[in-house]
Amino acid sequence: MQIDPSVNVVYTINEPAAAGAYEALKSAGLEDQALIVSVDGGCPGVRDVAAGVIGATSMQFPLLMASKGIEAIAAFAADGSKPENSEGLDFFNTGVQLVTDQPVDGIESITSEEALELCWG
């Protein structure tokens, strides 16, 4: 922001970093000119979407990832079988949901209210 105060989008690696970016923008008086987007989908981050701190977050499902991993280990231990990848992918897709209260036509998303029923942490 010191080098280029015209920043208009901030992408962060997680929602706590997004909250910190918001505080930094706010202290510089720039919070209304930049869209902050992040990843995780934890309940605190979803609440920040609802509050307008984060414009959007990409909700991941770590409990589903963990349970699918345990199921795969149990199946392999029982009979040597390995899980099949999701169609067209080289991994098993446990899903992701874009969370925003400012939806864009043509991009699938859910609201923060819907996400609060799915979030974790």
N, C-alpha and C. Protein backbone atom coordinates (compact mmCIF):
# COMPACT_ATOMS: atom_id res chain seq x y z
N MET A 1 0.82 -1.18 0.00
CA MET A 1 0.00 0.00 0.00
C MET A 1 0.87 1.26 0.00
N GLN A 2 2.04 1.15 0.59
CA GLN A 2 2.93 2.30 0.56
C GLN A 2 3.48 2.53 -0.84
N ILE A 3 3.72 1.43 -1.56
CA ILE A 3 4.25 1.55 -2.92
C ILE A 3 3.16 1.92 -3.90
N ASP A 4 1.98 1.31 -3.75
CA ASP A 4 0.88 1.56 -4.68
C ASP A 4 -0.44 1.64 -3.92
N PRO A 5 -0.86 2.82 -3.52
CA PRO A 5 -2.08 2.96 -2.75
C PRO A 5 -3.36 2.75 -3.59
N SER A 6 -3.22 2.44 -4.87
CA SER A 6 -4.40 2.20 -5.69
C SER A 6 -4.83 0.73 -5.68
N VAL A 7 -4.31 -0.05 -4.75
CA VAL A 7 -4.66 -1.46 -4.63
C VAL A 7 -6.19 -1.60 -4.61
N ASN A 8 -6.70 -2.58 -5.41
CA ASN A 8 -8.15 -2.75 -5.43
C ASN A 8 -8.59 -4.19 -5.16
N VAL A 9 -7.65 -5.13 -5.13
CA VAL A 9 -7.96 -6.52 -4.79
C VAL A 9 -6.83 -7.05 -3.92
N VAL A 10 -7.21 -7.75 -2.85
CA VAL A 10 -6.24 -8.41 -1.99
C VAL A 10 -6.66 -9.87 -1.88
N TYR A 11 -5.76 -10.79 -2.25
CA TYR A 11 -6.01 -12.22 -2.09
C TYR A 11 -5.13 -12.71 -0.95
N THR A 12 -5.73 -13.43 -0.02
CA THR A 12 -4.96 -13.93 1.12
C THR A 12 -5.04 -15.45 1.20
N ILE A 13 -4.06 -16.02 1.84
CA ILE A 13 -3.93 -17.47 1.96
C ILE A 13 -4.93 -18.06 2.96
N ASN A 14 -5.46 -17.24 3.87
CA ASN A 14 -6.47 -17.72 4.81
C ASN A 14 -7.25 -16.53 5.36
N GLU A 15 -8.31 -16.84 6.04
CA GLU A 15 -9.20 -15.78 6.52
C GLU A 15 -8.62 -14.92 7.64
N PRO A 16 -7.80 -15.47 8.56
CA PRO A 16 -7.15 -14.57 9.52
C PRO A 16 -6.25 -13.53 8.82
N ALA A 17 -5.57 -13.95 7.76
CA ALA A 17 -4.76 -13.00 6.99
C ALA A 17 -5.65 -11.97 6.31
N ALA A 18 -6.84 -12.40 5.86
CA ALA A 18 -7.78 -11.47 5.23
C ALA A 18 -8.25 -10.42 6.24
N ALA A 19 -8.52 -10.86 7.46
CA ALA A 19 -8.93 -9.91 8.50
C ALA A 19 -7.80 -8.92 8.79
N GLY A 20 -6.56 -9.41 8.79
CA GLY A 20 -5.41 -8.52 8.98
C GLY A 20 -5.25 -7.55 7.82
N ALA A 21 -5.49 -8.03 6.60
CA ALA A 21 -5.42 -7.14 5.42
C ALA A 21 -6.47 -6.05 5.53
N TYR A 22 -7.66 -6.43 5.98
CA TYR A 22 -8.71 -5.44 6.16
C TYR A 22 -8.28 -4.37 7.17
N GLU A 23 -7.70 -4.79 8.29
CA GLU A 23 -7.26 -3.83 9.30
C GLU A 23 -6.18 -2.90 8.74
N ALA A 24 -5.27 -3.46 7.93
CA ALA A 24 -4.23 -2.63 7.32
C ALA A 24 -4.84 -1.63 6.34
N LEU A 25 -5.77 -2.10 5.52
CA LEU A 25 -6.45 -1.19 4.59
C LEU A 25 -7.22 -0.12 5.34
N LYS A 26 -7.90 -0.54 6.39
CA LYS A 26 -8.70 0.40 7.18
C LYS A 26 -7.82 1.46 7.82
N SER A 27 -6.67 1.06 8.33
CA SER A 27 -5.78 2.05 8.97
C SER A 27 -5.21 3.03 7.96
N ALA A 28 -5.19 2.63 6.68
CA ALA A 28 -4.72 3.54 5.63
C ALA A 28 -5.88 4.28 4.97
N GLY A 29 -7.10 4.02 5.44
CA GLY A 29 -8.27 4.67 4.86
C GLY A 29 -8.65 4.13 3.49
N LEU A 30 -8.24 2.88 3.19
CA LEU A 30 -8.46 2.31 1.86
C LEU A 30 -9.43 1.12 1.87
N GLU A 31 -10.09 0.87 3.00
CA GLU A 31 -10.91 -0.34 3.10
C GLU A 31 -12.07 -0.37 2.10
N ASP A 32 -12.55 0.77 1.64
CA ASP A 32 -13.68 0.78 0.72
C ASP A 32 -13.28 0.64 -0.74
N GLN A 33 -11.99 0.71 -1.04
CA GLN A 33 -11.57 0.62 -2.44
C GLN A 33 -11.04 -0.75 -2.84
N ALA A 34 -10.87 -1.65 -1.89
CA ALA A 34 -10.27 -2.95 -2.21
C ALA A 34 -11.21 -4.09 -1.85
N LEU A 35 -11.28 -5.07 -2.72
CA LEU A 35 -12.02 -6.31 -2.47
C LEU A 35 -11.04 -7.32 -1.88
N ILE A 36 -11.39 -7.90 -0.76
CA ILE A 36 -10.54 -8.91 -0.13
C ILE A 36 -11.19 -10.27 -0.36
N VAL A 37 -10.41 -11.21 -0.88
CA VAL A 37 -10.88 -12.58 -1.08
C VAL A 37 -9.90 -13.53 -0.42
N SER A 38 -10.42 -14.69 0.00
CA SER A 38 -9.58 -15.61 0.75
C SER A 38 -10.03 -17.04 0.53
N VAL A 39 -9.42 -17.95 1.29
CA VAL A 39 -9.78 -19.37 1.25
C VAL A 39 -9.87 -19.90 2.68
N ASP A 40 -10.63 -20.92 2.89
CA ASP A 40 -10.77 -21.74 4.08
C ASP A 40 -12.23 -22.11 4.31
N GLY A 41 -13.04 -21.13 4.70
CA GLY A 41 -14.43 -21.44 4.99
C GLY A 41 -14.69 -21.72 6.45
N GLY A 42 -13.76 -21.31 7.30
CA GLY A 42 -14.00 -21.44 8.73
C GLY A 42 -15.08 -20.46 9.16
N CYS A 43 -15.76 -20.77 10.25
CA CYS A 43 -16.87 -19.93 10.71
C CYS A 43 -16.46 -18.47 10.96
N PRO A 44 -15.30 -18.18 11.55
CA PRO A 44 -14.93 -16.77 11.72
C PRO A 44 -14.80 -16.03 10.38
N GLY A 45 -14.26 -16.71 9.38
CA GLY A 45 -14.13 -16.09 8.06
C GLY A 45 -15.48 -15.88 7.40
N VAL A 46 -16.38 -16.83 7.56
CA VAL A 46 -17.73 -16.68 7.00
C VAL A 46 -18.43 -15.50 7.68
N ARG A 47 -18.23 -15.36 8.98
CA ARG A 47 -18.81 -14.20 9.68
C ARG A 47 -18.21 -12.90 9.15
N ASP A 48 -16.93 -12.92 8.77
CA ASP A 48 -16.32 -11.73 8.18
C ASP A 48 -16.90 -11.43 6.80
N VAL A 49 -17.31 -12.45 6.05
CA VAL A 49 -18.01 -12.21 4.79
C VAL A 49 -19.34 -11.52 5.10
N ALA A 50 -20.07 -12.03 6.07
CA ALA A 50 -21.36 -11.45 6.45
C ALA A 50 -21.20 -10.00 6.89
N ALA A 51 -20.09 -9.68 7.56
CA ALA A 51 -19.85 -8.33 8.06
C ALA A 51 -19.28 -7.40 6.99
N GLY A 52 -18.95 -7.94 5.83
CA GLY A 52 -18.39 -7.11 4.77
C GLY A 52 -16.89 -6.91 4.85
N VAL A 53 -16.22 -7.59 5.77
CA VAL A 53 -14.77 -7.50 5.89
C VAL A 53 -14.09 -8.22 4.73
N ILE A 54 -14.60 -9.41 4.41
CA ILE A 54 -14.09 -10.21 3.28
C ILE A 54 -15.20 -10.23 2.24
N GLY A 55 -14.84 -9.97 0.98
CA GLY A 55 -15.83 -9.99 -0.08
C GLY A 55 -16.26 -11.39 -0.45
N ALA A 56 -15.31 -12.33 -0.39
CA ALA A 56 -15.61 -13.72 -0.75
C ALA A 56 -14.55 -14.62 -0.17
N THR A 57 -14.95 -15.85 0.12
CA THR A 57 -14.00 -16.87 0.54
C THR A 57 -14.36 -18.18 -0.13
N SER A 58 -13.38 -18.99 -0.32
CA SER A 58 -13.57 -20.30 -0.96
C SER A 58 -13.60 -21.34 0.15
N MET A 59 -14.80 -21.85 0.44
CA MET A 59 -14.99 -22.78 1.55
C MET A 59 -14.51 -24.17 1.19
N GLN A 60 -13.62 -24.67 2.00
CA GLN A 60 -13.13 -26.03 1.86
C GLN A 60 -13.76 -26.90 2.95
N PHE A 61 -13.63 -28.19 2.81
CA PHE A 61 -14.28 -29.11 3.73
C PHE A 61 -13.26 -30.08 4.34
N PRO A 62 -12.47 -29.61 5.33
CA PRO A 62 -11.41 -30.45 5.89
C PRO A 62 -11.92 -31.69 6.61
N LEU A 63 -13.09 -31.63 7.23
CA LEU A 63 -13.61 -32.82 7.90
C LEU A 63 -13.98 -33.90 6.89
N LEU A 64 -14.52 -33.49 5.75
CA LEU A 64 -14.82 -34.44 4.69
C LEU A 64 -13.52 -35.02 4.13
N MET A 65 -12.51 -34.17 3.95
CA MET A 65 -11.21 -34.66 3.47
C MET A 65 -10.66 -35.70 4.43
N ALA A 66 -10.72 -35.41 5.72
CA ALA A 66 -10.18 -36.33 6.72
C ALA A 66 -10.96 -37.64 6.74
N SER A 67 -12.29 -37.57 6.71
CA SER A 67 -13.07 -38.80 6.76
C SER A 67 -12.86 -39.65 5.52
N LYS A 68 -12.74 -39.02 4.36
CA LYS A 68 -12.47 -39.78 3.13
C LYS A 68 -11.09 -40.43 3.20
N GLY A 69 -10.13 -39.75 3.81
CA GLY A 69 -8.81 -40.33 3.98
C GLY A 69 -8.82 -41.55 4.89
N ILE A 70 -9.56 -41.46 5.98
CA ILE A 70 -9.68 -42.60 6.90
C ILE A 70 -10.38 -43.77 6.21
N GLU A 71 -11.44 -43.48 5.46
CA GLU A 71 -12.14 -44.53 4.72
C GLU A 71 -11.20 -45.21 3.73
N ALA A 72 -10.36 -44.42 3.05
CA ALA A 72 -9.42 -44.98 2.08
C ALA A 72 -8.38 -45.87 2.76
N ILE A 73 -7.89 -45.44 3.91
CA ILE A 73 -6.91 -46.24 4.65
C ILE A 73 -7.54 -47.55 5.11
N ALA A 74 -8.77 -47.48 5.63
CA ALA A 74 -9.45 -48.69 6.10
C ALA A 74 -9.69 -49.66 4.96
N ALA A 75 -10.11 -49.15 3.79
CA ALA A 75 -10.36 -50.02 2.63
C ALA A 75 -9.07 -50.65 2.15
N PHE A 76 -7.99 -49.88 2.12
CA PHE A 76 -6.71 -50.42 1.67
C PHE A 76 -6.22 -51.49 2.64
N ALA A 77 -6.37 -51.24 3.95
CA ALA A 77 -5.96 -52.23 4.95
C ALA A 77 -6.79 -53.50 4.85
N ALA A 78 -8.07 -53.35 4.52
CA ALA A 78 -8.96 -54.51 4.47
C ALA A 78 -8.75 -55.36 3.22
N ASP A 79 -8.62 -54.71 2.07
CA ASP A 79 -8.57 -55.50 0.83
C ASP A 79 -7.60 -54.98 -0.23
N GLY A 80 -6.81 -53.98 0.13
CA GLY A 80 -5.82 -53.45 -0.81
C GLY A 80 -6.39 -52.51 -1.87
N SER A 81 -7.68 -52.20 -1.77
CA SER A 81 -8.28 -51.30 -2.78
C SER A 81 -7.89 -49.86 -2.52
N LYS A 82 -7.82 -49.12 -3.61
CA LYS A 82 -7.49 -47.70 -3.54
C LYS A 82 -8.69 -46.90 -4.03
N PRO A 83 -8.88 -45.70 -3.49
CA PRO A 83 -10.02 -44.89 -3.94
C PRO A 83 -9.83 -44.44 -5.38
N GLU A 84 -10.95 -44.29 -6.08
CA GLU A 84 -10.88 -43.77 -7.44
C GLU A 84 -10.90 -42.26 -7.38
N ASN A 85 -10.16 -41.64 -8.28
CA ASN A 85 -10.14 -40.19 -8.37
C ASN A 85 -11.49 -39.69 -8.86
N SER A 86 -11.76 -38.43 -8.58
CA SER A 86 -12.96 -37.81 -9.13
C SER A 86 -12.81 -37.77 -10.65
N GLU A 87 -13.93 -37.85 -11.33
CA GLU A 87 -13.91 -37.93 -12.79
C GLU A 87 -13.09 -36.81 -13.42
N GLY A 88 -12.14 -37.20 -14.25
CA GLY A 88 -11.31 -36.24 -14.97
C GLY A 88 -10.21 -35.59 -14.15
N LEU A 89 -10.05 -36.01 -12.90
CA LEU A 89 -9.04 -35.41 -12.03
C LEU A 89 -8.04 -36.47 -11.59
N ASP A 90 -6.87 -36.05 -11.13
CA ASP A 90 -5.91 -37.00 -10.61
C ASP A 90 -5.90 -37.00 -9.07
N PHE A 91 -7.05 -36.61 -8.51
CA PHE A 91 -7.23 -36.63 -7.06
C PHE A 91 -8.72 -36.79 -6.77
N PHE A 92 -9.05 -37.03 -5.50
CA PHE A 92 -10.45 -37.13 -5.10
C PHE A 92 -10.92 -35.75 -4.67
N ASN A 93 -11.89 -35.22 -5.35
CA ASN A 93 -12.39 -33.87 -5.08
C ASN A 93 -13.41 -33.91 -3.95
N THR A 94 -13.11 -33.28 -2.83
CA THR A 94 -14.05 -33.23 -1.71
C THR A 94 -14.90 -31.97 -1.76
N GLY A 95 -14.75 -31.17 -2.78
CA GLY A 95 -15.63 -30.03 -3.00
C GLY A 95 -15.11 -28.72 -2.45
N VAL A 96 -15.72 -27.68 -2.95
CA VAL A 96 -15.43 -26.32 -2.53
C VAL A 96 -16.66 -25.48 -2.84
N GLN A 97 -16.92 -24.48 -2.03
CA GLN A 97 -18.04 -23.58 -2.25
C GLN A 97 -17.55 -22.14 -2.16
N LEU A 98 -17.90 -21.35 -3.14
CA LEU A 98 -17.61 -19.92 -3.08
C LEU A 98 -18.66 -19.28 -2.18
N VAL A 99 -18.21 -18.51 -1.20
CA VAL A 99 -19.10 -17.85 -0.26
C VAL A 99 -19.00 -16.34 -0.48
N THR A 100 -20.11 -15.73 -0.82
CA THR A 100 -20.15 -14.28 -0.98
C THR A 100 -21.58 -13.79 -0.83
N ASP A 101 -21.72 -12.60 -0.34
CA ASP A 101 -23.03 -11.97 -0.28
C ASP A 101 -23.20 -10.97 -1.42
N GLN A 102 -22.23 -11.00 -2.35
CA GLN A 102 -22.29 -10.16 -3.55
C GLN A 102 -22.10 -11.07 -4.77
N PRO A 103 -23.09 -11.93 -5.06
CA PRO A 103 -22.93 -12.90 -6.15
C PRO A 103 -22.76 -12.24 -7.51
N VAL A 104 -22.11 -12.98 -8.40
CA VAL A 104 -21.86 -12.53 -9.77
C VAL A 104 -22.55 -13.51 -10.71
N ASP A 105 -23.30 -13.00 -11.67
CA ASP A 105 -23.98 -13.87 -12.63
C ASP A 105 -22.99 -14.82 -13.28
N GLY A 106 -23.38 -16.08 -13.35
CA GLY A 106 -22.56 -17.09 -14.02
C GLY A 106 -21.54 -17.77 -13.12
N ILE A 107 -21.40 -17.32 -11.88
CA ILE A 107 -20.46 -17.95 -10.95
C ILE A 107 -21.26 -18.48 -9.78
N GLU A 108 -21.22 -19.80 -9.61
CA GLU A 108 -21.99 -20.44 -8.54
C GLU A 108 -21.43 -20.04 -7.18
N SER A 109 -22.31 -19.64 -6.28
CA SER A 109 -21.88 -19.27 -4.93
C SER A 109 -23.02 -19.50 -3.96
N ILE A 110 -22.67 -19.46 -2.67
CA ILE A 110 -23.66 -19.51 -1.61
C ILE A 110 -23.48 -18.27 -0.75
N THR A 111 -24.52 -17.91 -0.01
CA THR A 111 -24.45 -16.74 0.85
C THR A 111 -23.75 -17.07 2.16
N SER A 112 -23.37 -16.05 2.87
CA SER A 112 -22.75 -16.27 4.18
C SER A 112 -23.74 -16.95 5.13
N GLU A 113 -25.02 -16.64 5.00
CA GLU A 113 -26.03 -17.29 5.84
C GLU A 113 -26.05 -18.80 5.58
N GLU A 114 -26.02 -19.19 4.31
CA GLU A 114 -25.98 -20.62 3.97
C GLU A 114 -24.68 -21.23 4.45
N ALA A 115 -23.58 -20.51 4.30
CA ALA A 115 -22.26 -21.03 4.68
C ALA A 115 -22.12 -21.22 6.18
N LEU A 116 -22.82 -20.41 6.96
CA LEU A 116 -22.75 -20.58 8.42
C LEU A 116 -23.28 -21.94 8.86
N GLU A 117 -24.10 -22.57 8.03
CA GLU A 117 -24.59 -23.92 8.36
C GLU A 117 -23.60 -25.00 7.96
N LEU A 118 -22.59 -24.64 7.17
CA LEU A 118 -21.61 -25.61 6.67
C LEU A 118 -20.20 -25.41 7.20
N CYS A 119 -19.95 -24.27 7.80
CA CYS A 119 -18.58 -23.91 8.17
C CYS A 119 -18.07 -24.74 9.32
N TRP A 120 -16.81 -24.61 9.58
CA TRP A 120 -16.12 -25.38 10.60
C TRP A 120 -15.27 -24.42 11.44
N GLY A 121 -14.90 -24.85 12.60
CA GLY A 121 -13.96 -24.12 13.44
C GLY A 121 -14.53 -23.02 14.26
